[in-house]
């Protein structure tokens, strides 16, 4: 499933107009010539030959999903192998050798490489979009219950919605790169439940990753090329850099300079994220973790996922095309935030703070510390931050500064207003 399309499909689409009337003679090509009517060696002629010479029909292309130049079949004169495959350094030498054998003994590697890159970019294909376009749904609803059917998740409105919307978001990223999909499905369950295997089964190994480099780095940005589902294993980063992981999963476009690249590139995202964890207290986001959609898995049916995955994605495509959203709304969105909040580790201060602020319309962290009996000389920034986190967890929010009184100009917390 998750492989570049075979040569006969890609080449037929990219160069179908050239399937008849192919030419193998320089005389029939529109080449720049010298005063003796001999083809000259320059960039324009190199591009024309790679584009119009019969030997090069259906050879070069650009994979928009992996952001890689590829060979759809062997370079003329090159040996066999498995195709399609990414272009490697030795392939440029093989291309240069072809020019040497075909009337250009002084063909330069610089021009050959630049011409190959140009022609590849002119012949693009998108295996992810092609895969999704080719699916035919059989009309049997499965997607709303896939987490229950294949992953043993409790059946209810919340689990049905998050499973459905997450899959539609993956399809949306396939058809509309860079669209907003700022959430992460989180599979919870004891070790050995095959959570990662289940995610990989949804795509096959080529389009799945469980080895994401450190978030926020150039390595992480480039690593996302060619990935459709990216696992954040054990949510270890959540314990250390909550802001980093939130910023990373909400990003819509990767902007970075590739290795050996001269210019910065901007690449709209094609992937969605899924977390896995053995813990039930992994959540460290003091703002409530609305971007995380946790579910508890049971026994996972990997063969069932592999058997039905094309129909799952076909249904997701049908829903996407019908205009279905891929985000949560209303009560389900609130429940998702409540589910994430339940994954926060218990703080012994929480109940004490809840008692002190009960019935109040506004407080400051210093005021709460004072109510809890903490003397002013013992109040530290760390304690204030701890109180602020618990206030946010208890359903309070920051609302400017106190305007008067003992705590004037201190950050003001008020209960979250009902919308």
Protein backbone atom coordinates (compact mmCIF):
# COMPACT_ATOMS: atom_id res chain seq x y z
CA UNK A 1 0.00 0.00 0.00
CA UNK A 2 2.51 2.62 1.12
CA UNK A 3 4.82 2.40 -1.87
CA UNK A 4 5.45 4.72 -4.77
CA UNK A 5 3.11 3.96 -7.63
CA UNK A 6 4.43 1.42 -10.16
CA UNK A 7 6.10 2.60 -13.34
CA UNK A 8 3.24 1.79 -15.67
CA UNK A 9 0.86 4.03 -13.69
CA UNK A 10 3.17 6.96 -12.97
CA UNK A 11 5.01 7.07 -16.27
CA UNK A 12 1.79 6.63 -18.18
CA UNK A 13 0.28 9.63 -16.45
CA UNK A 14 3.36 11.86 -16.46
CA UNK A 15 4.36 11.19 -20.05
CA UNK A 16 1.32 9.61 -21.63
CA UNK A 17 1.38 12.12 -24.45
CA UNK A 18 4.81 10.79 -25.46
CA UNK A 19 3.90 7.11 -25.65
CA UNK A 20 3.67 7.43 -29.43
CA UNK A 21 6.15 9.12 -31.71
CA UNK A 22 9.16 8.76 -29.43
CA UNK A 23 12.40 9.85 -31.03
CA UNK A 24 15.88 8.49 -30.47
CA UNK A 25 17.70 10.80 -32.91
CA UNK A 26 19.28 14.14 -32.08
CA UNK A 27 18.26 15.36 -35.53
CA UNK A 28 14.61 15.17 -34.55
CA UNK A 29 15.03 17.21 -31.38
CA UNK A 30 14.90 20.98 -31.01
CA UNK A 31 18.52 21.38 -29.89
CA UNK A 32 20.73 24.46 -29.92
CA UNK A 33 23.43 23.91 -32.56
CA UNK A 34 26.76 25.49 -33.52
CA UNK A 35 27.73 26.87 -36.93
CA UNK A 36 28.40 23.32 -38.15
CA UNK A 37 24.92 22.19 -37.06
CA UNK A 38 26.30 20.13 -34.22
CA UNK A 39 24.34 19.99 -30.95
CA UNK A 40 26.09 22.10 -28.32
CA UNK A 41 26.65 21.07 -24.72
CA UNK A 42 24.64 23.43 -22.53
CA UNK A 43 21.86 23.38 -19.97
CA UNK A 44 19.05 23.91 -22.47
CA UNK A 45 20.10 20.94 -24.60
CA UNK A 46 20.62 18.71 -21.57
CA UNK A 47 17.06 19.45 -20.43
CA UNK A 48 15.66 18.86 -23.93
CA UNK A 49 17.40 15.48 -24.20
CA UNK A 50 16.26 14.34 -20.76
CA UNK A 51 12.74 15.47 -21.61
CA UNK A 52 12.29 14.38 -25.23
CA UNK A 53 14.78 11.63 -26.06
CA UNK A 54 13.14 8.20 -26.14
CA UNK A 55 15.82 6.65 -23.92
CA UNK A 56 14.65 8.87 -21.06
CA UNK A 57 10.94 8.27 -21.44
CA UNK A 58 9.41 7.49 -18.03
CA UNK A 59 12.72 7.56 -16.15
CA UNK A 60 12.76 10.75 -14.08
CA UNK A 61 10.11 12.08 -11.69
CA UNK A 62 9.62 13.90 -8.39
CA UNK A 63 7.78 12.36 -5.44
CA UNK A 64 5.86 15.20 -3.81
CA UNK A 65 5.14 13.17 -0.68
CA UNK A 66 8.69 12.14 0.15
CA UNK A 67 10.09 15.33 -1.46
CA UNK A 68 12.60 13.19 -3.33
CA UNK A 69 13.76 12.90 -6.92
CA UNK A 70 13.13 9.35 -8.11
CA UNK A 71 13.88 6.93 -10.92
CA UNK A 72 10.76 5.23 -12.23
CA UNK A 73 12.95 2.81 -14.16
CA UNK A 74 16.65 2.35 -14.81
CA UNK A 75 18.77 5.06 -16.38
CA UNK A 76 19.50 3.99 -19.97
CA UNK A 77 22.57 1.79 -19.97
CA UNK A 78 22.29 1.10 -16.24
CA UNK A 79 21.72 -2.36 -14.79
CA UNK A 80 18.55 -3.72 -13.26
CA UNK A 81 17.16 -3.10 -9.81
CA UNK A 82 13.97 -2.35 -7.95
CA UNK A 83 12.03 0.67 -9.18
CA UNK A 84 10.74 3.24 -8.42
CA UNK A 85 13.51 4.34 -6.05
CA UNK A 86 15.14 7.60 -4.90
CA UNK A 87 17.94 9.00 -7.03
CA UNK A 88 21.40 8.41 -5.55
CA UNK A 89 24.74 10.10 -6.22
CA UNK A 90 25.90 7.30 -8.55
CA UNK A 91 22.87 7.85 -10.76
CA UNK A 92 24.15 11.26 -11.80
CA UNK A 93 27.35 9.60 -12.98
CA UNK A 94 25.29 7.09 -14.97
CA UNK A 95 23.36 9.95 -16.57
CA UNK A 96 26.60 11.74 -17.43
CA UNK A 97 27.92 8.53 -19.01
CA UNK A 98 24.81 8.36 -21.21
CA UNK A 99 25.52 11.87 -22.51
CA UNK A 100 29.16 10.89 -23.11
CA UNK A 101 28.05 7.92 -25.22
CA UNK A 102 25.48 9.94 -27.13
CA UNK A 103 27.41 12.75 -28.73
CA UNK A 104 28.52 14.82 -25.73
CA UNK A 105 31.97 13.58 -24.65
CA UNK A 106 32.54 16.74 -22.63
CA UNK A 107 29.24 16.64 -20.74
CA UNK A 108 29.85 18.20 -17.34
CA UNK A 109 28.56 16.72 -14.10
CA UNK A 110 27.37 20.14 -12.94
CA UNK A 111 25.03 20.60 -15.90
CA UNK A 112 23.88 16.97 -15.81
CA UNK A 113 22.91 17.20 -12.14
CA UNK A 114 21.10 20.52 -12.56
CA UNK A 115 19.24 19.25 -15.64
CA UNK A 116 18.17 16.05 -13.89
CA UNK A 117 16.86 18.09 -10.95
CA UNK A 118 14.93 20.40 -13.28
CA UNK A 119 13.34 17.60 -15.30
CA UNK A 120 12.37 15.71 -12.15
CA UNK A 121 10.61 18.78 -10.78
CA UNK A 122 8.65 19.08 -14.01
CA UNK A 123 7.29 15.53 -13.57
CA UNK A 124 5.65 15.28 -10.18
CA UNK A 125 3.47 12.63 -8.64
CA UNK A 126 1.95 12.26 -5.18
CA UNK A 127 1.67 8.65 -3.97
CA UNK A 128 -0.37 9.55 -0.88
CA UNK A 129 -2.98 11.50 -2.82
CA UNK A 130 -2.92 8.84 -5.55
CA UNK A 131 -3.57 6.13 -2.95
CA UNK A 132 -6.48 8.02 -1.44
CA UNK A 133 -7.94 8.90 -4.84
CA UNK A 134 -7.90 5.24 -5.84
CA UNK A 135 -9.92 3.96 -2.88
CA UNK A 136 -13.49 2.77 -3.34
CA UNK A 137 -15.64 2.56 -0.20
CA UNK A 138 -18.00 -0.40 -0.03
CA UNK A 139 -20.57 1.62 1.93
CA UNK A 140 -20.21 -0.35 5.17
CA UNK A 141 -19.68 2.05 8.15
CA UNK A 142 -16.59 1.12 10.16
CA UNK A 143 -14.75 4.33 10.95
CA UNK A 144 -16.90 5.52 13.83
CA UNK A 145 -16.12 2.35 15.78
CA UNK A 146 -12.63 1.49 14.59
CA UNK A 147 -11.01 2.18 17.96
CA UNK A 148 -13.49 -0.18 19.61
CA UNK A 149 -13.53 -2.84 16.88
CA UNK A 150 -9.78 -3.13 16.38
CA UNK A 151 -8.23 -1.61 19.53
CA UNK A 152 -10.58 -2.72 22.29
CA UNK A 153 -11.45 0.84 23.31
CA UNK A 154 -14.66 1.39 25.29
CA UNK A 155 -17.53 2.31 22.98
CA UNK A 156 -19.03 5.74 23.64
CA UNK A 157 -19.62 9.02 21.85
CA UNK A 158 -16.23 10.43 22.81
CA UNK A 159 -14.15 7.48 21.57
CA UNK A 160 -16.23 7.23 18.41
CA UNK A 161 -15.74 10.91 17.63
CA UNK A 162 -11.99 11.08 18.27
CA UNK A 163 -11.34 7.97 16.19
CA UNK A 164 -13.45 9.27 13.33
CA UNK A 165 -12.13 12.85 13.33
CA UNK A 166 -8.50 11.81 13.64
CA UNK A 167 -8.75 9.59 10.54
CA UNK A 168 -10.49 12.31 8.56
CA UNK A 169 -7.71 14.72 9.57
CA UNK A 170 -5.17 12.29 8.10
CA UNK A 171 -7.08 12.27 4.82
CA UNK A 172 -7.33 16.07 4.91
CA UNK A 173 -3.55 16.31 5.23
CA UNK A 174 -3.26 13.94 2.27
CA UNK A 175 -5.42 16.06 -0.01
CA UNK A 176 -4.77 19.48 1.48
CA UNK A 177 -1.17 19.67 2.74
CA UNK A 178 -0.68 22.05 5.62
CA UNK A 179 -4.33 22.24 6.64
CA UNK A 180 -4.92 22.75 10.35
CA UNK A 181 -4.80 19.48 12.28
CA UNK A 182 -3.48 20.50 15.70
CA UNK A 183 -4.37 17.44 17.76
CA UNK A 184 -2.89 14.09 18.74
CA UNK A 185 -4.68 10.80 19.29
CA UNK A 186 -3.16 9.12 22.36
CA UNK A 187 -3.34 5.34 22.80
CA UNK A 188 -2.94 4.30 26.44
CA UNK A 189 -2.38 0.74 27.58
CA UNK A 190 0.03 -1.55 29.31
CA UNK A 191 3.25 -2.61 27.64
CA UNK A 192 2.76 -5.33 25.07
CA UNK A 193 -0.63 -4.13 23.85
CA UNK A 194 0.87 -3.54 20.37
CA UNK A 195 -0.14 0.10 20.26
CA UNK A 196 2.68 1.04 17.89
CA UNK A 197 1.98 -1.98 15.72
CA UNK A 198 -1.64 -0.93 15.39
CA UNK A 199 -0.63 2.53 14.16
CA UNK A 200 1.86 1.07 11.70
CA UNK A 201 -0.81 -1.32 10.43
CA UNK A 202 -2.96 1.65 9.41
CA UNK A 203 -0.40 2.74 6.81
CA UNK A 204 2.14 0.01 6.30
CA UNK A 205 5.79 0.56 7.28
CA UNK A 206 6.76 3.04 4.57
CA UNK A 207 4.47 5.84 5.69
CA UNK A 208 4.68 5.30 9.45
CA UNK A 209 7.37 6.51 11.86
CA UNK A 210 8.10 5.79 15.49
CA UNK A 211 11.57 7.36 15.53
CA UNK A 212 10.87 11.09 15.50
CA UNK A 213 13.99 13.17 16.28
CA UNK A 214 13.88 15.85 18.95
CA UNK A 215 10.91 18.08 18.30
CA UNK A 216 11.59 21.58 17.11
CA UNK A 217 14.86 20.71 15.36
CA UNK A 218 15.74 20.78 11.67
CA UNK A 219 16.17 17.00 11.83
CA UNK A 220 12.57 16.61 12.97
CA UNK A 221 11.32 18.88 10.19
CA UNK A 222 13.09 16.98 7.42
CA UNK A 223 12.21 13.62 8.97
CA UNK A 224 8.50 14.23 8.41
CA UNK A 225 8.96 13.94 4.65
CA UNK A 226 7.13 10.88 3.40
CA UNK A 227 5.45 10.19 6.75
CA UNK A 228 1.69 10.03 7.14
CA UNK A 229 1.31 8.81 10.74
CA UNK A 230 4.01 9.80 13.22
CA UNK A 231 4.08 8.18 16.64
CA UNK A 232 5.26 10.08 19.68
CA UNK A 233 6.27 7.08 21.76
CA UNK A 234 5.77 7.05 25.51
CA UNK A 235 5.19 10.81 25.42
CA UNK A 236 8.55 11.31 27.11
CA UNK A 237 8.82 14.84 25.75
CA UNK A 238 5.59 15.72 27.54
CA UNK A 239 7.34 15.44 30.88
CA UNK A 240 10.05 17.91 29.95
CA UNK A 241 8.99 20.33 27.21
CA UNK A 242 5.22 20.75 27.10
CA UNK A 243 5.40 24.00 25.15
CA UNK A 244 7.78 22.44 22.62
CA UNK A 245 5.54 19.48 21.87
CA UNK A 246 2.44 21.68 21.63
CA UNK A 247 4.17 24.09 19.27
CA UNK A 248 5.45 21.20 17.17
CA UNK A 249 2.19 19.31 16.70
CA UNK A 250 0.26 22.49 15.89
CA UNK A 251 2.65 23.60 13.16
CA UNK A 252 1.19 23.55 9.65
CA UNK A 253 4.29 24.25 7.56
CA UNK A 254 7.88 23.10 8.07
CA UNK A 255 10.38 25.84 7.23
CA UNK A 256 14.04 24.83 7.29
CA UNK A 257 17.18 24.55 5.20
CA UNK A 258 17.75 20.94 4.12
CA UNK A 259 21.13 19.29 4.47
CA UNK A 260 23.38 20.48 1.62
CA UNK A 261 20.65 22.87 0.51
CA UNK A 262 21.37 26.47 -0.41
CA UNK A 263 17.94 27.89 0.28
CA UNK A 264 15.37 27.58 3.02
CA UNK A 265 12.30 25.53 2.07
CA UNK A 266 8.71 25.66 3.27
CA UNK A 267 6.88 22.34 3.16
CA UNK A 268 3.22 22.03 4.19
CA UNK A 269 2.70 19.11 6.53
CA UNK A 270 1.26 15.82 5.29
CA UNK A 271 1.29 13.89 8.59
CA UNK A 272 -0.83 13.48 11.70
CA UNK A 273 0.42 12.51 15.15
CA UNK A 274 -0.46 9.73 17.56
CA UNK A 275 0.94 9.30 21.05
CA UNK A 276 1.43 6.02 22.90
CA UNK A 277 2.03 5.52 26.60
CA UNK A 278 1.93 2.90 29.33
CA UNK A 279 1.15 5.55 31.94
CA UNK A 280 -2.10 7.13 33.08
CA UNK A 281 -0.53 10.32 34.47
CA UNK A 282 1.44 11.49 31.43
CA UNK A 283 -0.27 14.85 30.93
CA UNK A 284 1.82 17.88 31.95
CA UNK A 285 0.01 20.65 30.08
CA UNK A 286 -1.17 23.18 32.65
CA UNK A 287 -3.64 24.67 30.17
CA UNK A 288 -5.68 21.49 30.04
CA UNK A 289 -4.26 19.58 27.09
CA UNK A 290 -7.14 20.14 24.66
CA UNK A 291 -4.92 19.05 21.78
CA UNK A 292 -4.58 15.53 23.16
CA UNK A 293 -7.31 12.94 22.58
CA UNK A 294 -6.60 10.02 24.95
CA UNK A 295 -8.25 6.59 24.81
CA UNK A 296 -7.52 3.39 26.74
CA UNK A 297 -6.89 0.40 24.49
CA UNK A 298 -7.60 -3.26 25.20
CA UNK A 299 -6.74 -6.22 23.00
CA UNK A 300 -5.63 -4.98 19.59
CA UNK A 301 -6.55 -6.82 16.40
CA UNK A 302 -3.63 -6.02 14.10
CA UNK A 303 -4.63 -8.52 11.36
CA UNK A 304 -8.08 -6.94 11.37
CA UNK A 305 -6.62 -3.48 10.85
CA UNK A 306 -4.43 -4.74 8.01
CA UNK A 307 -7.41 -6.50 6.43
CA UNK A 308 -9.79 -3.53 6.61
CA UNK A 309 -7.49 -0.51 6.48
CA UNK A 310 -8.22 0.35 2.85
CA UNK A 311 -11.94 0.42 3.65
CA UNK A 312 -11.30 2.52 6.76
CA UNK A 313 -9.42 5.08 4.69
CA UNK A 314 -11.95 4.84 1.86
CA UNK A 315 -14.71 5.75 4.31
CA UNK A 316 -12.60 8.61 5.67
CA UNK A 317 -12.13 9.88 2.11
CA UNK A 318 -15.88 9.71 1.50
CA UNK A 319 -16.56 11.65 4.69
CA UNK A 320 -13.90 14.24 3.86
CA UNK A 321 -15.37 14.77 0.41
CA UNK A 322 -18.83 15.14 1.89
CA UNK A 323 -17.58 18.06 3.97
CA UNK A 324 -17.19 16.36 7.34
CA UNK A 325 -14.97 18.25 9.79
CA UNK A 326 -11.84 16.74 11.32
CA UNK A 327 -11.85 18.60 14.63
CA UNK A 328 -13.96 18.23 17.77
CA UNK A 329 -16.79 20.57 18.70
CA UNK A 330 -19.24 21.16 21.54
CA UNK A 331 -19.57 18.62 24.33
CA UNK A 332 -17.14 16.19 22.75
CA UNK A 333 -14.42 18.86 22.65
CA UNK A 334 -15.10 19.60 26.32
CA UNK A 335 -14.95 15.91 27.14
CA UNK A 336 -11.63 15.58 25.33
CA UNK A 337 -10.21 18.33 27.51
CA UNK A 338 -11.64 16.67 30.61
CA UNK A 339 -10.15 13.33 29.57
CA UNK A 340 -6.74 14.93 29.12
CA UNK A 341 -7.04 16.71 32.48
CA UNK A 342 -7.68 13.37 34.18
CA UNK A 343 -4.22 12.27 33.01
CA UNK A 344 -2.50 14.95 35.07
CA UNK A 345 -0.68 13.60 38.12
CA UNK A 346 -2.46 14.38 41.38
CA UNK A 347 -1.04 17.26 43.35
CA UNK A 348 -1.69 17.21 47.12
CA UNK A 349 -2.21 20.97 46.95
CA UNK A 350 -5.13 20.68 44.54
CA UNK A 351 -7.86 19.97 47.08
CA UNK A 352 -6.44 22.57 49.47
CA UNK A 353 -6.41 25.24 46.76
CA UNK A 354 -9.90 24.26 45.64
CA UNK A 355 -11.16 24.78 49.20
CA UNK A 356 -9.49 28.18 49.56
CA UNK A 357 -10.82 29.62 46.28
CA UNK A 358 -14.34 28.20 46.62
CA UNK A 359 -16.87 31.02 46.26
CA UNK A 360 -14.30 33.65 45.29
CA UNK A 361 -14.61 35.67 42.10
CA UNK A 362 -10.93 36.55 41.74
CA UNK A 363 -7.60 35.58 43.32
CA UNK A 364 -3.86 35.90 42.84
CA UNK A 365 -1.26 33.21 43.40
CA UNK A 366 0.21 35.19 46.30
CA UNK A 367 -3.23 35.49 47.86
CA UNK A 368 -3.77 31.72 47.59
CA UNK A 369 -0.38 31.00 49.14
CA UNK A 370 -1.26 33.33 52.00
CA UNK A 371 -4.63 31.61 52.51
CA UNK A 372 -2.76 28.30 52.69
CA UNK A 373 -0.59 29.62 55.48
CA UNK A 374 2.60 30.24 53.50
CA UNK A 375 4.50 33.17 54.96
CA UNK A 376 5.60 35.94 52.56
CA UNK A 377 9.29 35.20 53.07
CA UNK A 378 8.69 31.57 52.05
CA UNK A 379 6.85 32.42 48.83
CA UNK A 380 8.97 31.61 45.77
CA UNK A 381 8.38 31.83 42.01
CA UNK A 382 8.23 28.03 41.92
CA UNK A 383 5.40 27.97 44.47
CA UNK A 384 3.53 30.68 42.59
CA UNK A 385 3.86 28.69 39.36
CA UNK A 386 2.57 25.58 41.12
CA UNK A 387 -0.50 27.45 42.36
CA UNK A 388 -1.08 28.91 38.89
CA UNK A 389 -0.97 25.44 37.33
CA UNK A 390 -3.50 24.10 39.81
CA UNK A 391 -5.80 27.08 39.33
CA UNK A 392 -5.78 26.44 35.60
CA UNK A 393 -6.46 22.77 36.20
CA UNK A 394 -9.36 23.66 38.50
CA UNK A 395 -11.01 25.71 35.78
CA UNK A 396 -9.67 29.20 36.42
CA UNK A 397 -8.01 31.47 33.87
CA UNK A 398 -5.70 34.48 33.80
CA UNK A 399 -7.58 37.76 33.33
CA UNK A 400 -5.31 40.76 33.40
CA UNK A 401 -4.03 42.33 36.61
CA UNK A 402 -5.61 43.22 39.93
CA UNK A 403 -6.70 46.86 39.83
CA UNK A 404 -6.60 47.73 43.51
CA UNK A 405 -6.05 46.46 47.01
CA UNK A 406 -3.26 44.47 48.63
CA UNK A 407 -2.53 42.53 45.43
CA UNK A 408 -2.71 45.45 42.99
CA UNK A 409 -0.90 44.74 39.66
CA UNK A 410 -0.58 41.02 40.44
CA UNK A 411 -1.86 38.56 37.81
CA UNK A 412 -5.57 38.07 38.34
CA UNK A 413 -7.23 34.65 38.10
CA UNK A 414 -10.99 34.30 37.64
CA UNK A 415 -13.25 31.26 37.16
CA UNK A 416 -13.64 30.34 33.49
CA UNK A 417 -16.82 31.94 32.22
CA UNK A 418 -19.45 29.77 30.59
CA UNK A 419 -19.60 30.42 26.85
